[in-house]
């Protein structure tokens, strides 16, 4: 993985709570954030006394390199949102500029926590579909803005292997969103649900109290 290929974009803990419909009971277990990137979920949850480990290939790089990459890509990302405002629901954020400020705040919290968190084993380099954890290490695995979103870039075989791996390391996995980048339902969703049903794995699509992509 080359840092020049990375486009860092981090969400905060309040968004995670609603994206994954997390309850107080969910937060008592050991949580894995898969593909968290520069999200502040780990930092905020750790400060609140919860147990979270984040895994991402981004964590191969030092904090200052990640910070520089955030600065280098931020304007491009906001310009892309401004070019297609119809793809988003503007209730979470008033406009693209407010979205950008929220993202910078979340990524700033991540960076402030990163060195200590990496030393404590809370930020671990790794990526699907092969995670560096033992079976059953976690109660809950969360995968934000990776599976299904990048349906064109990641094929069905990758999705099946990734879901199987999430369920190997955790008792339960939750994935958000189920939309591809063009805001249409991922073509991989139904085959993944069918794969789960064939294996006696309970899988369901649930509405959650969060919507940003239409």
N, C-alpha and C. Protein backbone atom coordinates (compact mmCIF):
# COMPACT_ATOMS: atom_id res chain seq x y z
N UNK A 1 0.84 -1.20 0.00
CA UNK A 1 0.00 0.00 0.00
C UNK A 1 0.88 1.25 0.00
N UNK A 2 0.58 2.19 -0.89
CA UNK A 2 1.28 3.46 -0.97
C UNK A 2 0.42 4.56 -0.36
N UNK A 3 1.03 5.42 0.44
CA UNK A 3 0.26 6.48 1.08
C UNK A 3 -0.39 7.39 0.04
N UNK A 4 0.26 7.54 -1.12
CA UNK A 4 -0.30 8.40 -2.17
C UNK A 4 -1.61 7.86 -2.72
N UNK A 5 -1.93 6.60 -2.44
CA UNK A 5 -3.19 6.00 -2.89
C UNK A 5 -4.32 6.22 -1.88
N UNK A 6 -3.98 6.70 -0.69
CA UNK A 6 -4.95 6.82 0.39
C UNK A 6 -5.64 8.18 0.35
N UNK A 7 -6.96 8.16 0.57
CA UNK A 7 -7.73 9.40 0.70
C UNK A 7 -8.38 9.37 2.08
N UNK A 8 -7.72 9.91 3.11
CA UNK A 8 -8.22 9.80 4.49
C UNK A 8 -9.51 10.61 4.68
N UNK A 9 -10.46 10.01 5.37
CA UNK A 9 -11.76 10.66 5.60
C UNK A 9 -12.35 10.02 6.84
N UNK A 10 -12.40 10.75 7.97
CA UNK A 10 -12.78 10.15 9.23
C UNK A 10 -14.10 10.64 9.79
N UNK A 11 -14.86 9.73 10.34
CA UNK A 11 -16.15 10.05 10.97
C UNK A 11 -16.01 10.00 12.49
N UNK A 12 -16.96 10.63 13.18
CA UNK A 12 -16.84 10.72 14.64
C UNK A 12 -17.68 9.64 15.33
N UNK A 13 -17.55 9.57 16.64
CA UNK A 13 -18.24 8.53 17.41
C UNK A 13 -19.75 8.67 17.36
N UNK A 14 -20.26 9.90 17.35
CA UNK A 14 -21.71 10.10 17.29
C UNK A 14 -22.27 9.51 16.00
N UNK A 15 -21.52 9.64 14.90
CA UNK A 15 -21.97 9.04 13.63
C UNK A 15 -21.91 7.52 13.72
N UNK A 16 -20.85 6.98 14.28
CA UNK A 16 -20.75 5.53 14.43
C UNK A 16 -21.92 4.97 15.24
N UNK A 17 -22.28 5.65 16.33
CA UNK A 17 -23.36 5.16 17.17
C UNK A 17 -24.66 5.04 16.38
N UNK A 18 -24.90 6.00 15.47
CA UNK A 18 -26.14 5.96 14.69
C UNK A 18 -26.01 5.10 13.44
N UNK A 19 -24.85 5.12 12.80
CA UNK A 19 -24.66 4.28 11.61
C UNK A 19 -24.85 2.81 11.94
N UNK A 20 -24.35 2.40 13.09
CA UNK A 20 -24.41 0.99 13.48
C UNK A 20 -25.46 0.70 14.53
N UNK A 21 -26.28 1.70 14.85
CA UNK A 21 -27.37 1.54 15.82
C UNK A 21 -26.86 0.91 17.11
N UNK A 22 -25.77 1.45 17.62
CA UNK A 22 -25.11 0.88 18.80
C UNK A 22 -25.86 1.24 20.07
N UNK A 23 -26.10 0.25 20.91
CA UNK A 23 -26.77 0.44 22.19
C UNK A 23 -25.74 0.46 23.30
N UNK A 24 -26.12 0.91 24.50
CA UNK A 24 -25.19 0.82 25.64
C UNK A 24 -24.69 -0.61 25.87
N UNK A 25 -25.56 -1.59 25.65
CA UNK A 25 -25.13 -2.99 25.81
C UNK A 25 -24.07 -3.37 24.78
N UNK A 26 -24.21 -2.88 23.54
CA UNK A 26 -23.21 -3.16 22.52
C UNK A 26 -21.84 -2.65 22.93
N UNK A 27 -21.83 -1.52 23.60
CA UNK A 27 -20.57 -0.86 23.94
C UNK A 27 -19.86 -1.52 25.12
N UNK A 28 -20.50 -2.47 25.79
CA UNK A 28 -19.85 -3.13 26.91
C UNK A 28 -18.89 -4.22 26.44
N UNK A 29 -19.02 -4.67 25.20
CA UNK A 29 -18.18 -5.73 24.69
C UNK A 29 -16.89 -5.21 24.07
N UNK A 30 -16.11 -6.12 23.54
CA UNK A 30 -14.87 -5.77 22.85
C UNK A 30 -15.21 -5.55 21.39
N UNK A 31 -14.90 -4.36 20.88
CA UNK A 31 -15.33 -3.94 19.54
C UNK A 31 -14.14 -3.82 18.62
N UNK A 32 -14.31 -4.32 17.40
CA UNK A 32 -13.33 -4.13 16.33
C UNK A 32 -13.89 -3.15 15.31
N UNK A 33 -13.13 -2.11 15.00
CA UNK A 33 -13.46 -1.21 13.91
C UNK A 33 -12.59 -1.56 12.73
N UNK A 34 -13.20 -2.10 11.68
CA UNK A 34 -12.44 -2.59 10.53
C UNK A 34 -12.48 -1.56 9.41
N UNK A 35 -11.32 -1.07 9.02
CA UNK A 35 -11.26 -0.02 8.01
C UNK A 35 -11.60 1.35 8.57
N UNK A 36 -11.27 1.57 9.84
CA UNK A 36 -11.63 2.84 10.50
C UNK A 36 -10.89 4.03 9.92
N UNK A 37 -9.70 3.83 9.38
CA UNK A 37 -8.94 4.96 8.88
C UNK A 37 -8.73 6.00 9.96
N UNK A 38 -8.91 7.29 9.64
CA UNK A 38 -8.69 8.35 10.63
C UNK A 38 -9.95 8.75 11.39
N UNK A 39 -10.88 7.82 11.59
CA UNK A 39 -12.08 8.10 12.37
C UNK A 39 -11.71 8.32 13.84
N UNK A 40 -12.51 9.11 14.54
CA UNK A 40 -12.25 9.36 15.96
C UNK A 40 -13.02 8.42 16.87
N UNK A 41 -13.68 7.41 16.32
CA UNK A 41 -14.48 6.48 17.12
C UNK A 41 -13.64 5.83 18.21
N UNK A 42 -12.48 5.31 17.84
CA UNK A 42 -11.62 4.64 18.80
C UNK A 42 -11.20 5.60 19.91
N UNK A 43 -10.73 6.76 19.53
CA UNK A 43 -10.27 7.74 20.53
C UNK A 43 -11.38 8.13 21.49
N UNK A 44 -12.57 8.40 20.96
CA UNK A 44 -13.68 8.85 21.80
C UNK A 44 -14.19 7.72 22.69
N UNK A 45 -14.30 6.53 22.14
CA UNK A 45 -14.78 5.40 22.93
C UNK A 45 -13.78 5.01 24.01
N UNK A 46 -12.50 5.04 23.69
CA UNK A 46 -11.48 4.73 24.69
C UNK A 46 -11.53 5.73 25.84
N UNK A 47 -11.68 7.01 25.49
CA UNK A 47 -11.77 8.04 26.53
C UNK A 47 -12.97 7.83 27.43
N UNK A 48 -14.03 7.20 26.89
CA UNK A 48 -15.24 6.94 27.67
C UNK A 48 -15.18 5.60 28.39
N UNK A 49 -14.05 4.90 28.30
CA UNK A 49 -13.88 3.66 29.05
C UNK A 49 -14.25 2.40 28.31
N UNK A 50 -14.49 2.48 27.00
CA UNK A 50 -14.86 1.30 26.22
C UNK A 50 -13.63 0.66 25.59
N UNK A 51 -13.80 -0.57 25.11
CA UNK A 51 -12.69 -1.34 24.54
C UNK A 51 -12.85 -1.45 23.03
N UNK A 52 -12.02 -0.72 22.31
CA UNK A 52 -12.09 -0.68 20.86
C UNK A 52 -10.70 -0.89 20.27
N UNK A 53 -10.61 -1.74 19.26
CA UNK A 53 -9.40 -1.90 18.47
C UNK A 53 -9.77 -1.56 17.02
N UNK A 54 -8.93 -0.77 16.38
CA UNK A 54 -9.15 -0.41 14.98
C UNK A 54 -8.07 -1.06 14.12
N UNK A 55 -8.48 -1.57 12.97
CA UNK A 55 -7.52 -2.17 12.05
C UNK A 55 -7.67 -1.52 10.68
N UNK A 56 -6.54 -1.15 10.07
CA UNK A 56 -6.56 -0.47 8.78
C UNK A 56 -5.14 -0.49 8.22
N UNK A 57 -4.98 -0.63 6.91
CA UNK A 57 -3.62 -0.56 6.34
C UNK A 57 -2.99 0.82 6.52
N UNK A 58 -3.82 1.85 6.76
CA UNK A 58 -3.30 3.19 6.99
C UNK A 58 -2.35 3.26 8.17
N UNK A 59 -2.53 2.36 9.12
CA UNK A 59 -1.76 2.43 10.36
C UNK A 59 -0.32 1.93 10.19
N UNK A 60 0.07 1.63 8.98
CA UNK A 60 1.47 1.35 8.69
C UNK A 60 2.29 2.63 8.70
N UNK A 61 1.62 3.78 8.62
CA UNK A 61 2.31 5.06 8.45
C UNK A 61 2.31 5.88 9.73
N UNK A 62 3.32 6.71 9.92
CA UNK A 62 3.37 7.57 11.10
C UNK A 62 2.32 8.67 11.04
N UNK A 63 1.99 9.23 12.19
CA UNK A 63 0.94 10.23 12.27
C UNK A 63 1.18 11.44 11.40
N UNK A 64 2.40 11.93 11.35
CA UNK A 64 2.68 13.13 10.56
C UNK A 64 2.47 12.89 9.08
N UNK A 65 2.77 11.68 8.61
CA UNK A 65 2.53 11.35 7.21
C UNK A 65 1.03 11.31 6.92
N UNK A 66 0.26 10.76 7.84
CA UNK A 66 -1.20 10.74 7.67
C UNK A 66 -1.74 12.16 7.68
N UNK A 67 -1.25 12.99 8.59
CA UNK A 67 -1.69 14.38 8.66
C UNK A 67 -1.42 15.11 7.33
N UNK A 68 -0.24 14.89 6.78
CA UNK A 68 0.11 15.54 5.51
C UNK A 68 -0.81 15.07 4.39
N UNK A 69 -1.17 13.80 4.42
CA UNK A 69 -2.05 13.27 3.37
C UNK A 69 -3.46 13.83 3.51
N UNK A 70 -3.93 14.03 4.74
CA UNK A 70 -5.23 14.67 4.98
C UNK A 70 -5.24 16.07 4.38
N UNK A 71 -4.19 16.82 4.63
CA UNK A 71 -4.08 18.18 4.10
C UNK A 71 -4.07 18.17 2.57
N UNK A 72 -3.37 17.19 2.00
CA UNK A 72 -3.22 17.14 0.54
C UNK A 72 -4.51 16.77 -0.18
N UNK A 73 -5.40 16.01 0.47
CA UNK A 73 -6.58 15.49 -0.23
C UNK A 73 -7.89 16.16 0.18
N UNK A 74 -7.87 16.95 1.25
CA UNK A 74 -9.10 17.49 1.81
C UNK A 74 -9.90 18.31 0.80
N UNK A 75 -9.27 19.26 0.13
CA UNK A 75 -9.98 20.15 -0.79
C UNK A 75 -10.61 19.36 -1.94
N UNK A 76 -9.91 18.35 -2.43
CA UNK A 76 -10.45 17.54 -3.53
C UNK A 76 -11.71 16.82 -3.11
N UNK A 77 -11.72 16.26 -1.90
CA UNK A 77 -12.90 15.55 -1.41
C UNK A 77 -14.09 16.49 -1.27
N UNK A 78 -13.87 17.66 -0.69
CA UNK A 78 -14.97 18.60 -0.52
C UNK A 78 -15.48 19.08 -1.88
N UNK A 79 -14.60 19.29 -2.83
CA UNK A 79 -15.02 19.70 -4.18
C UNK A 79 -15.88 18.63 -4.83
N UNK A 80 -15.57 17.35 -4.58
CA UNK A 80 -16.37 16.26 -5.14
C UNK A 80 -17.78 16.27 -4.55
N UNK A 81 -17.89 16.55 -3.25
CA UNK A 81 -19.20 16.64 -2.62
C UNK A 81 -19.98 17.84 -3.19
N UNK A 82 -19.31 18.96 -3.34
CA UNK A 82 -19.97 20.16 -3.87
C UNK A 82 -20.45 19.95 -5.31
N UNK A 83 -19.75 19.09 -6.04
CA UNK A 83 -20.14 18.84 -7.44
C UNK A 83 -21.39 17.99 -7.54
N UNK A 84 -21.73 17.19 -6.52
CA UNK A 84 -22.91 16.33 -6.55
C UNK A 84 -23.67 16.42 -5.23
N UNK A 85 -24.18 17.59 -4.87
CA UNK A 85 -24.89 17.72 -3.59
C UNK A 85 -26.18 16.91 -3.54
N UNK A 86 -26.72 16.55 -4.72
CA UNK A 86 -27.96 15.79 -4.78
C UNK A 86 -27.80 14.36 -4.27
N UNK A 87 -26.58 13.89 -4.12
CA UNK A 87 -26.34 12.53 -3.66
C UNK A 87 -26.38 12.42 -2.13
N UNK A 88 -26.60 13.55 -1.45
CA UNK A 88 -26.51 13.56 0.00
C UNK A 88 -27.75 14.18 0.62
N UNK A 89 -28.01 13.77 1.85
CA UNK A 89 -29.12 14.30 2.63
C UNK A 89 -28.54 15.35 3.58
N UNK A 90 -28.95 16.60 3.44
CA UNK A 90 -28.31 17.68 4.19
C UNK A 90 -29.08 17.99 5.48
N UNK A 91 -29.21 16.94 6.31
CA UNK A 91 -29.76 17.13 7.66
C UNK A 91 -28.68 16.93 8.71
N UNK A 92 -27.76 16.01 8.46
CA UNK A 92 -26.63 15.81 9.35
C UNK A 92 -25.72 17.04 9.34
N UNK A 93 -25.55 17.59 8.16
CA UNK A 93 -24.67 18.74 7.96
C UNK A 93 -25.41 19.77 7.11
N UNK A 94 -25.15 21.03 7.40
CA UNK A 94 -25.85 22.10 6.69
C UNK A 94 -25.42 22.20 5.23
N UNK A 95 -24.13 22.01 4.98
CA UNK A 95 -23.58 22.15 3.64
C UNK A 95 -22.22 21.46 3.59
N UNK A 96 -21.58 21.40 2.40
CA UNK A 96 -20.29 20.72 2.32
C UNK A 96 -19.22 21.31 3.22
N UNK A 97 -19.25 22.60 3.45
CA UNK A 97 -18.24 23.20 4.31
C UNK A 97 -18.39 22.75 5.76
N UNK A 98 -19.63 22.65 6.24
CA UNK A 98 -19.84 22.14 7.60
C UNK A 98 -19.44 20.68 7.69
N UNK A 99 -19.73 19.91 6.65
CA UNK A 99 -19.28 18.52 6.59
C UNK A 99 -17.76 18.46 6.72
N UNK A 100 -17.08 19.30 5.95
CA UNK A 100 -15.63 19.30 5.98
C UNK A 100 -15.07 19.62 7.35
N UNK A 101 -15.66 20.59 8.02
CA UNK A 101 -15.18 20.95 9.35
C UNK A 101 -15.39 19.81 10.34
N UNK A 102 -16.52 19.10 10.22
CA UNK A 102 -16.77 17.96 11.09
C UNK A 102 -15.75 16.85 10.84
N UNK A 103 -15.42 16.62 9.57
CA UNK A 103 -14.42 15.60 9.24
C UNK A 103 -13.04 15.99 9.77
N UNK A 104 -12.66 17.25 9.63
CA UNK A 104 -11.36 17.70 10.13
C UNK A 104 -11.28 17.56 11.65
N UNK A 105 -12.37 17.85 12.34
CA UNK A 105 -12.39 17.71 13.79
C UNK A 105 -12.21 16.25 14.19
N UNK A 106 -12.93 15.36 13.51
CA UNK A 106 -12.81 13.93 13.82
C UNK A 106 -11.39 13.44 13.55
N UNK A 107 -10.84 13.83 12.41
CA UNK A 107 -9.49 13.37 12.07
C UNK A 107 -8.45 13.98 13.00
N UNK A 108 -8.69 15.20 13.47
CA UNK A 108 -7.80 15.80 14.46
C UNK A 108 -7.80 15.02 15.76
N UNK A 109 -8.97 14.57 16.19
CA UNK A 109 -9.05 13.75 17.41
C UNK A 109 -8.31 12.43 17.22
N UNK A 110 -8.47 11.85 16.05
CA UNK A 110 -7.73 10.62 15.74
C UNK A 110 -6.23 10.85 15.84
N UNK A 111 -5.74 11.89 15.19
CA UNK A 111 -4.30 12.15 15.18
C UNK A 111 -3.75 12.41 16.58
N UNK A 112 -4.54 13.09 17.41
CA UNK A 112 -4.10 13.37 18.78
C UNK A 112 -3.97 12.09 19.60
N UNK A 113 -4.71 11.06 19.23
CA UNK A 113 -4.73 9.79 19.96
C UNK A 113 -3.85 8.73 19.32
N UNK A 114 -3.41 8.97 18.10
CA UNK A 114 -2.84 7.91 17.26
C UNK A 114 -1.59 7.28 17.85
N UNK A 115 -0.61 8.09 18.24
CA UNK A 115 0.65 7.52 18.72
C UNK A 115 0.44 6.68 19.99
N UNK A 116 -0.33 7.23 20.93
CA UNK A 116 -0.59 6.49 22.16
C UNK A 116 -1.41 5.24 21.88
N UNK A 117 -2.39 5.36 20.98
CA UNK A 117 -3.22 4.22 20.65
C UNK A 117 -2.47 3.13 19.92
N UNK A 118 -1.55 3.53 19.07
CA UNK A 118 -0.75 2.53 18.36
C UNK A 118 0.16 1.80 19.35
N UNK A 119 0.75 2.54 20.27
CA UNK A 119 1.61 1.92 21.29
C UNK A 119 0.83 0.96 22.19
N UNK A 120 -0.45 1.28 22.42
CA UNK A 120 -1.29 0.45 23.28
C UNK A 120 -1.94 -0.72 22.54
N UNK A 121 -1.69 -0.82 21.23
CA UNK A 121 -2.28 -1.90 20.44
C UNK A 121 -3.72 -1.66 20.05
N UNK A 122 -4.14 -0.38 20.05
CA UNK A 122 -5.52 -0.06 19.64
C UNK A 122 -5.62 0.27 18.16
N UNK A 123 -4.52 0.63 17.53
CA UNK A 123 -4.48 0.88 16.08
C UNK A 123 -3.51 -0.12 15.48
N UNK A 124 -4.03 -1.06 14.72
CA UNK A 124 -3.23 -2.17 14.21
C UNK A 124 -3.29 -2.20 12.68
N UNK A 125 -2.12 -2.31 12.08
CA UNK A 125 -2.06 -2.42 10.62
C UNK A 125 -2.64 -3.76 10.18
N UNK A 126 -3.53 -3.72 9.19
CA UNK A 126 -4.11 -4.94 8.66
C UNK A 126 -5.28 -4.60 7.75
N UNK A 127 -5.75 -5.59 7.02
CA UNK A 127 -6.86 -5.33 6.09
C UNK A 127 -7.59 -6.62 5.77
N UNK A 128 -8.85 -6.46 5.42
CA UNK A 128 -9.63 -7.58 4.93
C UNK A 128 -9.08 -8.03 3.58
N UNK A 129 -9.19 -9.32 3.26
CA UNK A 129 -9.99 -10.34 3.96
C UNK A 129 -9.20 -11.22 4.93
N UNK A 130 -8.01 -10.75 5.37
CA UNK A 130 -7.23 -11.53 6.32
C UNK A 130 -6.82 -10.62 7.47
N UNK A 131 -7.43 -10.81 8.63
CA UNK A 131 -7.19 -9.94 9.77
C UNK A 131 -6.22 -10.59 10.76
N UNK A 132 -5.40 -9.80 11.44
CA UNK A 132 -4.38 -10.34 12.34
C UNK A 132 -4.90 -10.60 13.76
N UNK A 133 -6.04 -11.31 13.83
CA UNK A 133 -6.66 -11.60 15.13
C UNK A 133 -7.05 -13.07 15.20
N UNK A 134 -7.17 -13.58 16.42
CA UNK A 134 -7.60 -14.96 16.63
C UNK A 134 -9.12 -15.05 16.53
N UNK A 135 -9.61 -16.24 16.30
CA UNK A 135 -11.06 -16.46 16.23
C UNK A 135 -11.71 -16.05 17.54
N UNK A 136 -12.80 -15.29 17.43
CA UNK A 136 -13.57 -14.91 18.59
C UNK A 136 -12.94 -13.86 19.48
N UNK A 137 -11.97 -13.11 18.96
CA UNK A 137 -11.33 -12.07 19.77
C UNK A 137 -12.28 -10.93 20.15
N UNK A 138 -13.34 -10.74 19.36
CA UNK A 138 -14.22 -9.59 19.56
C UNK A 138 -15.67 -10.02 19.69
N UNK A 139 -16.43 -9.20 20.37
CA UNK A 139 -17.87 -9.41 20.46
C UNK A 139 -18.59 -8.84 19.23
N UNK A 140 -18.06 -7.73 18.71
CA UNK A 140 -18.74 -7.03 17.63
C UNK A 140 -17.71 -6.43 16.69
N UNK A 141 -17.90 -6.66 15.39
CA UNK A 141 -17.05 -6.06 14.37
C UNK A 141 -17.87 -5.06 13.57
N UNK A 142 -17.34 -3.87 13.39
CA UNK A 142 -18.00 -2.82 12.63
C UNK A 142 -17.16 -2.51 11.40
N UNK A 143 -17.81 -2.42 10.26
CA UNK A 143 -17.10 -2.09 9.02
C UNK A 143 -17.78 -0.89 8.38
N UNK A 144 -17.10 0.24 8.42
CA UNK A 144 -17.67 1.51 7.95
C UNK A 144 -17.09 1.93 6.61
N UNK A 145 -17.98 2.12 5.63
CA UNK A 145 -17.61 2.74 4.35
C UNK A 145 -16.46 2.02 3.65
N UNK A 146 -16.60 0.71 3.55
CA UNK A 146 -15.64 -0.11 2.80
C UNK A 146 -16.40 -1.18 2.02
N UNK A 147 -16.87 -2.20 2.72
CA UNK A 147 -17.67 -3.23 2.04
C UNK A 147 -18.96 -2.64 1.51
N UNK A 148 -19.37 -3.10 0.35
CA UNK A 148 -20.55 -2.66 -0.40
C UNK A 148 -20.34 -1.28 -1.02
N UNK A 149 -19.76 -0.32 -0.29
CA UNK A 149 -19.57 1.00 -0.87
C UNK A 149 -18.68 0.93 -2.11
N UNK A 150 -17.60 0.15 -2.02
CA UNK A 150 -16.68 0.03 -3.15
C UNK A 150 -16.97 -1.25 -3.93
N UNK A 151 -18.21 -1.40 -4.35
CA UNK A 151 -18.64 -2.61 -5.04
C UNK A 151 -17.98 -2.77 -6.41
N UNK A 152 -17.68 -1.66 -7.05
CA UNK A 152 -17.05 -1.73 -8.37
C UNK A 152 -15.58 -2.13 -8.24
N UNK A 153 -14.95 -1.69 -7.19
CA UNK A 153 -13.53 -1.98 -7.00
C UNK A 153 -13.28 -3.32 -6.33
N UNK A 154 -14.21 -3.77 -5.47
CA UNK A 154 -14.05 -5.01 -4.72
C UNK A 154 -15.14 -5.99 -5.15
N UNK A 155 -14.76 -7.11 -5.71
CA UNK A 155 -15.73 -8.02 -6.31
C UNK A 155 -16.47 -8.85 -5.25
N UNK A 156 -17.41 -9.67 -5.72
CA UNK A 156 -18.22 -10.48 -4.81
C UNK A 156 -17.35 -11.44 -4.01
N UNK A 157 -16.36 -12.04 -4.64
CA UNK A 157 -15.50 -12.99 -3.93
C UNK A 157 -14.81 -12.31 -2.75
N UNK A 158 -14.37 -11.07 -2.95
CA UNK A 158 -13.75 -10.33 -1.86
C UNK A 158 -14.76 -10.10 -0.74
N UNK A 159 -15.98 -9.70 -1.10
CA UNK A 159 -17.00 -9.43 -0.08
C UNK A 159 -17.32 -10.69 0.73
N UNK A 160 -17.44 -11.83 0.05
CA UNK A 160 -17.74 -13.07 0.77
C UNK A 160 -16.60 -13.45 1.71
N UNK A 161 -15.37 -13.32 1.24
CA UNK A 161 -14.23 -13.64 2.09
C UNK A 161 -14.13 -12.68 3.26
N UNK A 162 -14.44 -11.40 3.01
CA UNK A 162 -14.35 -10.39 4.06
C UNK A 162 -15.40 -10.61 5.14
N UNK A 163 -16.63 -10.90 4.72
CA UNK A 163 -17.70 -11.14 5.70
C UNK A 163 -17.38 -12.40 6.52
N UNK A 164 -16.90 -13.42 5.85
CA UNK A 164 -16.52 -14.64 6.58
C UNK A 164 -15.43 -14.34 7.61
N UNK A 165 -14.48 -13.48 7.24
CA UNK A 165 -13.40 -13.14 8.17
C UNK A 165 -13.91 -12.31 9.35
N UNK A 166 -14.82 -11.38 9.09
CA UNK A 166 -15.40 -10.60 10.19
C UNK A 166 -16.11 -11.51 11.18
N UNK A 167 -16.80 -12.52 10.65
CA UNK A 167 -17.52 -13.45 11.52
C UNK A 167 -16.60 -14.47 12.18
N UNK A 168 -15.41 -14.62 11.66
CA UNK A 168 -14.42 -15.47 12.34
C UNK A 168 -13.89 -14.79 13.60
N UNK A 169 -13.64 -13.49 13.50
CA UNK A 169 -13.00 -12.80 14.63
C UNK A 169 -14.01 -12.21 15.61
N UNK A 170 -15.30 -12.14 15.23
CA UNK A 170 -16.31 -11.54 16.10
C UNK A 170 -17.60 -12.34 16.06
N UNK A 171 -18.36 -12.27 17.14
CA UNK A 171 -19.64 -12.97 17.20
C UNK A 171 -20.67 -12.35 16.28
N UNK A 172 -20.55 -11.05 16.02
CA UNK A 172 -21.52 -10.33 15.20
C UNK A 172 -20.77 -9.28 14.39
N UNK A 173 -21.25 -9.04 13.17
CA UNK A 173 -20.66 -8.01 12.32
C UNK A 173 -21.76 -7.10 11.81
N UNK A 174 -21.45 -5.81 11.75
CA UNK A 174 -22.37 -4.82 11.20
C UNK A 174 -21.63 -4.00 10.15
N UNK A 175 -22.29 -3.79 9.02
CA UNK A 175 -21.68 -3.11 7.88
C UNK A 175 -22.55 -1.93 7.46
N UNK A 176 -21.92 -0.78 7.25
CA UNK A 176 -22.63 0.42 6.81
C UNK A 176 -21.72 1.20 5.88
N UNK A 177 -22.27 1.73 4.75
CA UNK A 177 -23.63 1.57 4.24
C UNK A 177 -23.73 0.33 3.35
N UNK A 178 -24.93 0.08 2.85
CA UNK A 178 -25.14 -1.01 1.90
C UNK A 178 -25.24 -0.49 0.47
N UNK A 179 -24.93 0.78 0.30
CA UNK A 179 -24.97 1.44 -1.00
C UNK A 179 -23.58 1.48 -1.62
N UNK A 180 -23.54 1.45 -2.95
CA UNK A 180 -22.30 1.69 -3.68
C UNK A 180 -22.07 3.21 -3.78
N UNK A 181 -20.96 3.58 -4.36
CA UNK A 181 -20.61 5.00 -4.45
C UNK A 181 -21.62 5.82 -5.23
N UNK A 182 -22.35 5.18 -6.15
CA UNK A 182 -23.35 5.91 -6.94
C UNK A 182 -24.70 5.99 -6.25
N UNK A 183 -24.74 5.62 -4.96
CA UNK A 183 -25.96 5.69 -4.14
C UNK A 183 -27.03 4.68 -4.53
N UNK A 184 -26.65 3.65 -5.28
CA UNK A 184 -27.57 2.55 -5.56
C UNK A 184 -27.20 1.37 -4.65
N UNK A 185 -28.19 0.52 -4.38
CA UNK A 185 -27.93 -0.64 -3.53
C UNK A 185 -26.85 -1.51 -4.15
N UNK A 186 -25.91 -1.96 -3.35
CA UNK A 186 -24.80 -2.75 -3.86
C UNK A 186 -25.30 -4.04 -4.52
N UNK A 187 -24.76 -4.38 -5.69
CA UNK A 187 -25.15 -5.64 -6.35
C UNK A 187 -24.65 -6.86 -5.57
N UNK A 188 -23.74 -6.65 -4.63
CA UNK A 188 -23.22 -7.78 -3.85
C UNK A 188 -24.09 -8.12 -2.65
N UNK A 189 -25.04 -7.24 -2.30
CA UNK A 189 -25.79 -7.44 -1.06
C UNK A 189 -26.61 -8.73 -1.09
N UNK A 190 -27.43 -8.92 -2.10
CA UNK A 190 -28.28 -10.12 -2.14
C UNK A 190 -27.46 -11.41 -2.17
N UNK A 191 -26.39 -11.48 -2.97
CA UNK A 191 -25.57 -12.71 -2.91
C UNK A 191 -24.93 -12.96 -1.55
N UNK A 192 -24.53 -11.91 -0.84
CA UNK A 192 -23.97 -12.09 0.49
C UNK A 192 -25.04 -12.60 1.46
N UNK A 193 -26.25 -12.04 1.37
CA UNK A 193 -27.34 -12.51 2.22
C UNK A 193 -27.68 -13.97 1.92
N UNK A 194 -27.67 -14.34 0.64
CA UNK A 194 -27.95 -15.72 0.26
C UNK A 194 -26.86 -16.66 0.78
N UNK A 195 -25.62 -16.23 0.66
CA UNK A 195 -24.48 -17.01 1.19
C UNK A 195 -24.65 -17.26 2.69
N UNK A 196 -25.05 -16.24 3.42
CA UNK A 196 -25.24 -16.38 4.86
C UNK A 196 -26.38 -17.35 5.17
N UNK A 197 -27.48 -17.21 4.45
CA UNK A 197 -28.63 -18.08 4.70
C UNK A 197 -28.29 -19.55 4.45
N UNK A 198 -27.51 -19.81 3.41
CA UNK A 198 -27.11 -21.18 3.09
C UNK A 198 -26.29 -21.81 4.21
N UNK A 199 -25.64 -20.98 5.00
CA UNK A 199 -24.76 -21.47 6.06
C UNK A 199 -25.38 -21.34 7.44
N UNK A 200 -26.65 -20.98 7.49
CA UNK A 200 -27.33 -20.86 8.77
C UNK A 200 -26.90 -19.65 9.57
N UNK A 201 -26.34 -18.67 8.91
CA UNK A 201 -25.94 -17.42 9.56
C UNK A 201 -27.10 -16.44 9.49
N UNK A 202 -27.51 -15.91 10.62
CA UNK A 202 -28.62 -14.96 10.62
C UNK A 202 -28.12 -13.60 10.12
N UNK A 203 -28.68 -13.15 9.04
CA UNK A 203 -28.29 -11.87 8.45
C UNK A 203 -29.55 -11.07 8.14
N UNK A 204 -29.50 -9.79 8.42
CA UNK A 204 -30.66 -8.95 8.15
C UNK A 204 -30.22 -7.54 7.76
N UNK A 205 -31.11 -6.89 7.02
CA UNK A 205 -30.92 -5.49 6.66
C UNK A 205 -31.77 -4.67 7.61
N UNK A 206 -31.14 -3.73 8.29
CA UNK A 206 -31.85 -2.93 9.28
C UNK A 206 -31.76 -1.44 8.96
N UNK A 207 -32.88 -0.73 9.09
CA UNK A 207 -32.78 0.74 9.02
C UNK A 207 -32.11 1.27 10.27
N UNK A 208 -31.34 2.35 10.12
CA UNK A 208 -30.65 2.95 11.26
C UNK A 208 -30.92 4.45 11.27
N UNK A 209 -30.70 5.10 12.42
CA UNK A 209 -31.02 6.52 12.53
C UNK A 209 -29.94 7.43 11.99
N UNK A 210 -29.43 7.09 10.80
CA UNK A 210 -28.39 7.91 10.18
C UNK A 210 -28.52 7.81 8.67
N UNK A 211 -28.53 8.94 7.99
CA UNK A 211 -28.54 8.94 6.53
C UNK A 211 -27.78 10.17 6.05
N UNK A 212 -26.75 9.89 5.25
CA UNK A 212 -26.04 10.97 4.58
C UNK A 212 -26.05 10.76 3.07
N UNK A 213 -25.54 9.61 2.60
CA UNK A 213 -25.83 9.25 1.21
C UNK A 213 -27.33 9.09 1.07
N UNK A 214 -27.87 9.54 -0.05
CA UNK A 214 -29.31 9.40 -0.26
C UNK A 214 -29.70 7.93 -0.25
